[in-house]
N, C-alpha and C. Protein backbone atom coordinates (compact mmCIF):
# COMPACT_ATOMS: atom_id res chain seq x y z
N TYR A 1 -25.44 11.68 9.55
CA TYR A 1 -25.59 10.53 8.68
C TYR A 1 -26.24 9.42 9.48
N SER A 2 -27.40 8.96 9.04
CA SER A 2 -28.09 7.89 9.77
C SER A 2 -27.37 6.57 9.53
N SER A 3 -27.55 5.67 10.49
CA SER A 3 -26.86 4.38 10.36
C SER A 3 -27.39 3.61 9.15
N ASN A 4 -28.69 3.73 8.85
CA ASN A 4 -29.23 3.06 7.66
C ASN A 4 -28.62 3.63 6.39
N GLY A 5 -28.47 4.96 6.34
CA GLY A 5 -27.86 5.59 5.18
C GLY A 5 -26.42 5.16 5.01
N ALA A 6 -25.70 5.04 6.11
CA ALA A 6 -24.29 4.61 6.05
C ALA A 6 -24.19 3.17 5.57
N VAL A 7 -25.07 2.32 6.02
CA VAL A 7 -25.07 0.91 5.60
C VAL A 7 -25.38 0.82 4.11
N GLU A 8 -26.37 1.58 3.66
CA GLU A 8 -26.72 1.57 2.24
C GLU A 8 -25.56 2.07 1.39
N GLU A 9 -24.90 3.12 1.85
CA GLU A 9 -23.76 3.68 1.13
C GLU A 9 -22.61 2.68 1.07
N LEU A 10 -22.36 1.99 2.17
CA LEU A 10 -21.32 0.97 2.21
C LEU A 10 -21.64 -0.19 1.27
N GLU A 11 -22.89 -0.63 1.28
CA GLU A 11 -23.31 -1.70 0.38
C GLU A 11 -23.14 -1.29 -1.08
N LYS A 12 -23.46 -0.03 -1.40
CA LYS A 12 -23.30 0.47 -2.75
C LYS A 12 -21.83 0.47 -3.16
N SER A 13 -20.95 0.87 -2.25
CA SER A 13 -19.51 0.88 -2.54
C SER A 13 -18.98 -0.53 -2.77
N VAL A 14 -19.39 -1.46 -1.93
CA VAL A 14 -18.94 -2.85 -2.07
C VAL A 14 -19.46 -3.44 -3.38
N SER A 15 -20.71 -3.15 -3.73
CA SER A 15 -21.27 -3.65 -4.98
C SER A 15 -20.50 -3.11 -6.18
N ALA A 16 -20.09 -1.84 -6.12
CA ALA A 16 -19.31 -1.26 -7.22
C ALA A 16 -17.97 -1.97 -7.37
N VAL A 17 -17.32 -2.28 -6.26
CA VAL A 17 -16.04 -2.99 -6.31
C VAL A 17 -16.22 -4.40 -6.87
N VAL A 18 -17.28 -5.06 -6.47
CA VAL A 18 -17.56 -6.41 -6.98
C VAL A 18 -17.80 -6.37 -8.49
N ARG A 19 -18.52 -5.36 -8.97
CA ARG A 19 -18.76 -5.23 -10.42
C ARG A 19 -17.44 -5.04 -11.17
N VAL A 20 -16.54 -4.24 -10.63
CA VAL A 20 -15.23 -4.04 -11.27
C VAL A 20 -14.47 -5.36 -11.30
N ASN A 21 -14.48 -6.08 -10.19
CA ASN A 21 -13.78 -7.37 -10.14
C ASN A 21 -14.35 -8.35 -11.17
N GLN A 22 -15.66 -8.35 -11.36
CA GLN A 22 -16.29 -9.23 -12.34
C GLN A 22 -15.93 -8.82 -13.76
N LYS A 23 -15.90 -7.50 -14.00
CA LYS A 23 -15.58 -6.99 -15.33
C LYS A 23 -14.14 -7.35 -15.72
N TYR A 24 -13.23 -7.28 -14.75
CA TYR A 24 -11.82 -7.55 -15.00
C TYR A 24 -11.40 -8.91 -14.42
N ARG A 25 -12.26 -9.88 -14.53
CA ARG A 25 -12.05 -11.20 -13.93
C ARG A 25 -10.67 -11.78 -14.24
N ASP A 26 -10.21 -11.62 -15.47
CA ASP A 26 -8.94 -12.22 -15.89
C ASP A 26 -7.79 -11.22 -15.91
N ASP A 27 -8.00 -10.05 -15.35
CA ASP A 27 -6.98 -8.99 -15.39
C ASP A 27 -6.93 -8.28 -14.04
N SER A 28 -6.18 -8.84 -13.10
CA SER A 28 -6.14 -8.26 -11.75
C SER A 28 -5.51 -6.86 -11.76
N HIS A 29 -4.54 -6.65 -12.65
CA HIS A 29 -3.91 -5.33 -12.75
C HIS A 29 -4.94 -4.30 -13.24
N GLY A 30 -5.71 -4.67 -14.25
CA GLY A 30 -6.76 -3.78 -14.77
C GLY A 30 -7.82 -3.50 -13.73
N ALA A 31 -8.17 -4.51 -12.94
CA ALA A 31 -9.17 -4.32 -11.87
C ALA A 31 -8.65 -3.34 -10.83
N GLY A 32 -7.41 -3.51 -10.44
CA GLY A 32 -6.82 -2.61 -9.45
C GLY A 32 -6.75 -1.19 -9.96
N ARG A 33 -6.35 -1.03 -11.22
CA ARG A 33 -6.27 0.30 -11.82
C ARG A 33 -7.66 0.95 -11.87
N ALA A 34 -8.65 0.19 -12.31
CA ALA A 34 -10.01 0.73 -12.40
C ALA A 34 -10.54 1.15 -11.03
N LYS A 35 -10.25 0.36 -10.01
CA LYS A 35 -10.72 0.71 -8.65
C LYS A 35 -10.03 1.95 -8.12
N VAL A 36 -8.74 2.10 -8.39
CA VAL A 36 -8.03 3.30 -7.94
C VAL A 36 -8.57 4.53 -8.66
N ILE A 37 -8.78 4.41 -9.97
CA ILE A 37 -9.31 5.54 -10.73
C ILE A 37 -10.68 5.93 -10.20
N GLU A 38 -11.54 4.95 -9.99
CA GLU A 38 -12.90 5.26 -9.55
C GLU A 38 -12.97 5.74 -8.10
N SER A 39 -12.18 5.15 -7.22
CA SER A 39 -12.33 5.48 -5.81
C SER A 39 -11.40 6.59 -5.33
N GLN A 40 -10.24 6.75 -5.94
CA GLN A 40 -9.27 7.72 -5.44
C GLN A 40 -9.10 8.93 -6.36
N LEU A 41 -9.18 8.73 -7.66
CA LEU A 41 -8.97 9.85 -8.58
C LEU A 41 -10.26 10.56 -8.95
N ASN A 42 -11.38 9.98 -8.61
CA ASN A 42 -12.68 10.62 -8.82
C ASN A 42 -13.03 11.39 -7.55
N SER A 43 -13.07 12.69 -7.64
CA SER A 43 -13.25 13.50 -6.43
C SER A 43 -14.56 13.23 -5.72
N ARG A 44 -15.64 12.99 -6.47
CA ARG A 44 -16.94 12.72 -5.85
C ARG A 44 -16.89 11.41 -5.06
N SER A 45 -16.30 10.38 -5.65
CA SER A 45 -16.19 9.09 -4.96
C SER A 45 -15.32 9.21 -3.71
N ARG A 46 -14.20 9.93 -3.82
CA ARG A 46 -13.33 10.11 -2.66
C ARG A 46 -14.04 10.86 -1.54
N MET A 47 -14.80 11.88 -1.91
CA MET A 47 -15.54 12.65 -0.93
C MET A 47 -16.55 11.75 -0.20
N ASP A 48 -17.27 10.94 -0.98
CA ASP A 48 -18.26 10.03 -0.39
C ASP A 48 -17.61 9.00 0.54
N LEU A 49 -16.48 8.44 0.10
CA LEU A 49 -15.78 7.46 0.94
C LEU A 49 -15.25 8.09 2.22
N CYS A 50 -14.73 9.30 2.12
CA CYS A 50 -14.25 9.99 3.32
C CYS A 50 -15.40 10.24 4.30
N ARG A 51 -16.53 10.72 3.75
CA ARG A 51 -17.69 10.97 4.61
C ARG A 51 -18.16 9.68 5.28
N LEU A 52 -18.18 8.60 4.52
CA LEU A 52 -18.62 7.31 5.05
C LEU A 52 -17.72 6.84 6.19
N GLN A 53 -16.41 7.15 6.09
CA GLN A 53 -15.45 6.74 7.12
C GLN A 53 -15.29 7.77 8.23
N GLY A 54 -15.95 8.91 8.10
CA GLY A 54 -15.83 9.96 9.11
C GLY A 54 -14.51 10.69 9.05
N ILE A 55 -13.93 10.80 7.85
CA ILE A 55 -12.64 11.45 7.65
C ILE A 55 -12.87 12.77 6.92
N ASP A 56 -12.13 13.80 7.29
CA ASP A 56 -12.21 15.07 6.58
C ASP A 56 -11.65 14.90 5.18
N TYR A 57 -12.35 15.44 4.20
CA TYR A 57 -11.92 15.36 2.81
C TYR A 57 -11.07 16.57 2.46
N ALA A 58 -9.95 16.33 1.83
CA ALA A 58 -9.12 17.39 1.28
C ALA A 58 -8.62 16.91 -0.08
N HIS A 59 -8.87 17.69 -1.12
CA HIS A 59 -8.56 17.25 -2.48
C HIS A 59 -7.08 16.89 -2.64
N ASP A 60 -6.20 17.66 -2.04
CA ASP A 60 -4.78 17.43 -2.25
C ASP A 60 -4.15 16.46 -1.26
N SER A 61 -4.93 15.89 -0.36
CA SER A 61 -4.36 14.96 0.62
C SER A 61 -3.80 13.70 -0.04
N LEU A 62 -4.33 13.34 -1.18
CA LEU A 62 -3.86 12.16 -1.90
C LEU A 62 -2.42 12.34 -2.37
N PHE A 63 -2.04 13.54 -2.73
CA PHE A 63 -0.74 13.79 -3.35
C PHE A 63 0.41 13.86 -2.36
N ALA A 64 0.14 14.25 -1.15
CA ALA A 64 1.20 14.44 -0.17
C ALA A 64 1.97 13.15 0.11
N SER A 65 1.30 12.02 0.01
CA SER A 65 1.95 10.75 0.35
C SER A 65 2.57 10.04 -0.86
N LEU A 66 2.49 10.64 -2.04
CA LEU A 66 3.02 10.00 -3.24
C LEU A 66 4.36 10.59 -3.65
N LYS A 67 5.17 9.77 -4.28
CA LYS A 67 6.42 10.28 -4.83
C LYS A 67 6.09 11.20 -6.00
N THR A 68 6.81 12.30 -6.08
CA THR A 68 6.54 13.31 -7.10
C THR A 68 6.62 12.76 -8.51
N VAL A 69 7.45 11.79 -8.74
CA VAL A 69 7.63 11.23 -10.08
C VAL A 69 6.35 10.58 -10.61
N PHE A 70 5.44 10.17 -9.74
CA PHE A 70 4.20 9.53 -10.17
C PHE A 70 3.10 10.53 -10.53
N LEU A 71 3.27 11.78 -10.16
CA LEU A 71 2.20 12.76 -10.34
C LEU A 71 1.81 13.00 -11.80
N PRO A 72 2.76 13.09 -12.73
CA PRO A 72 2.32 13.24 -14.13
C PRO A 72 1.46 12.07 -14.61
N ASN A 73 1.78 10.86 -14.14
CA ASN A 73 0.96 9.69 -14.51
C ASN A 73 -0.45 9.81 -13.95
N LEU A 74 -0.58 10.35 -12.74
CA LEU A 74 -1.91 10.56 -12.17
C LEU A 74 -2.71 11.55 -13.00
N LEU A 75 -2.04 12.59 -13.47
CA LEU A 75 -2.72 13.55 -14.34
C LEU A 75 -3.23 12.88 -15.62
N VAL A 76 -2.41 12.03 -16.20
CA VAL A 76 -2.81 11.33 -17.42
C VAL A 76 -4.01 10.42 -17.14
N LEU A 77 -3.94 9.64 -16.07
CA LEU A 77 -5.06 8.75 -15.73
C LEU A 77 -6.34 9.53 -15.50
N THR A 78 -6.23 10.63 -14.79
CA THR A 78 -7.41 11.44 -14.49
C THR A 78 -7.94 12.10 -15.75
N GLY A 79 -7.04 12.60 -16.58
CA GLY A 79 -7.47 13.22 -17.82
C GLY A 79 -8.15 12.25 -18.76
N ASN A 80 -7.68 11.01 -18.79
CA ASN A 80 -8.25 10.00 -19.68
C ASN A 80 -9.56 9.41 -19.16
N SER A 81 -9.75 9.39 -17.85
CA SER A 81 -10.91 8.68 -17.32
C SER A 81 -11.87 9.57 -16.53
N GLY A 82 -11.38 10.66 -15.99
CA GLY A 82 -12.23 11.51 -15.18
C GLY A 82 -12.84 12.62 -16.00
N GLY A 83 -13.60 13.43 -15.33
CA GLY A 83 -14.18 14.58 -15.99
C GLY A 83 -13.21 15.74 -16.01
N GLN A 84 -13.57 16.77 -16.73
CA GLN A 84 -12.73 17.96 -16.80
C GLN A 84 -12.54 18.59 -15.43
N ASN A 85 -13.57 18.57 -14.62
CA ASN A 85 -13.49 19.18 -13.30
C ASN A 85 -12.45 18.48 -12.43
N ASP A 86 -12.44 17.15 -12.42
CA ASP A 86 -11.45 16.41 -11.65
C ASP A 86 -10.04 16.71 -12.14
N PHE A 87 -9.88 16.75 -13.46
CA PHE A 87 -8.57 17.02 -14.03
C PHE A 87 -8.09 18.42 -13.64
N TYR A 88 -8.96 19.41 -13.76
CA TYR A 88 -8.59 20.79 -13.43
C TYR A 88 -8.24 20.92 -11.94
N CYS A 89 -9.08 20.35 -11.07
CA CYS A 89 -8.81 20.43 -9.62
C CYS A 89 -7.49 19.75 -9.28
N MET A 90 -7.22 18.61 -9.93
CA MET A 90 -5.97 17.91 -9.67
C MET A 90 -4.79 18.74 -10.17
N LEU A 91 -4.92 19.32 -11.34
CA LEU A 91 -3.85 20.13 -11.91
C LEU A 91 -3.52 21.31 -11.00
N VAL A 92 -4.53 21.99 -10.51
CA VAL A 92 -4.33 23.14 -9.62
C VAL A 92 -3.63 22.68 -8.34
N SER A 93 -4.05 21.55 -7.79
CA SER A 93 -3.47 21.04 -6.55
C SER A 93 -2.04 20.57 -6.75
N LEU A 94 -1.71 20.12 -7.95
CA LEU A 94 -0.38 19.55 -8.21
C LEU A 94 0.68 20.57 -8.60
N VAL A 95 0.29 21.78 -8.91
CA VAL A 95 1.27 22.78 -9.38
C VAL A 95 2.48 22.87 -8.45
N PRO A 96 2.30 23.00 -7.14
CA PRO A 96 3.48 23.11 -6.28
C PRO A 96 4.38 21.87 -6.34
N TYR A 97 3.78 20.70 -6.49
CA TYR A 97 4.55 19.46 -6.56
C TYR A 97 5.26 19.33 -7.91
N LEU A 98 4.57 19.72 -9.00
CA LEU A 98 5.14 19.60 -10.33
C LEU A 98 6.30 20.55 -10.56
N ILE A 99 6.28 21.69 -9.91
CA ILE A 99 7.38 22.64 -10.03
C ILE A 99 8.68 22.02 -9.55
N CYS A 100 8.60 21.09 -8.62
CA CYS A 100 9.78 20.43 -8.07
C CYS A 100 10.41 19.43 -9.02
N LEU A 101 9.68 19.04 -10.06
CA LEU A 101 10.20 18.03 -11.00
C LEU A 101 11.32 18.56 -11.84
C-alpha cells in the first residue's frame, strides 16, 4: 500500500464520517448508530479499515468482544441496513454464539 494511497483512503474515511455527522446533526445517537453500521457491520468497510490500519481482518473478530445478548440486535441491524452477503456471513459466524443463548 503506497503512502499516497493510504492518505487518500484515510481522507475518504474521514469525509464519510463528516457526512454522517452532518446528516445527523441534531441526533448524536443516530449518527453513532449510522457510523457503527457503516464502519463495523459492513464487511467491506471493516476490511478496508483493517487494511488501512495494518490489522488482519477476521469477520468474526467483532463478535468475540461483545456480550452474547447483543448479537440478535446486531443481526437485525445488519439485516435492515446491510446487504444479504453481510447478513449471511454474520449469521454463519454467530451460530456458535447464538447456540449459547
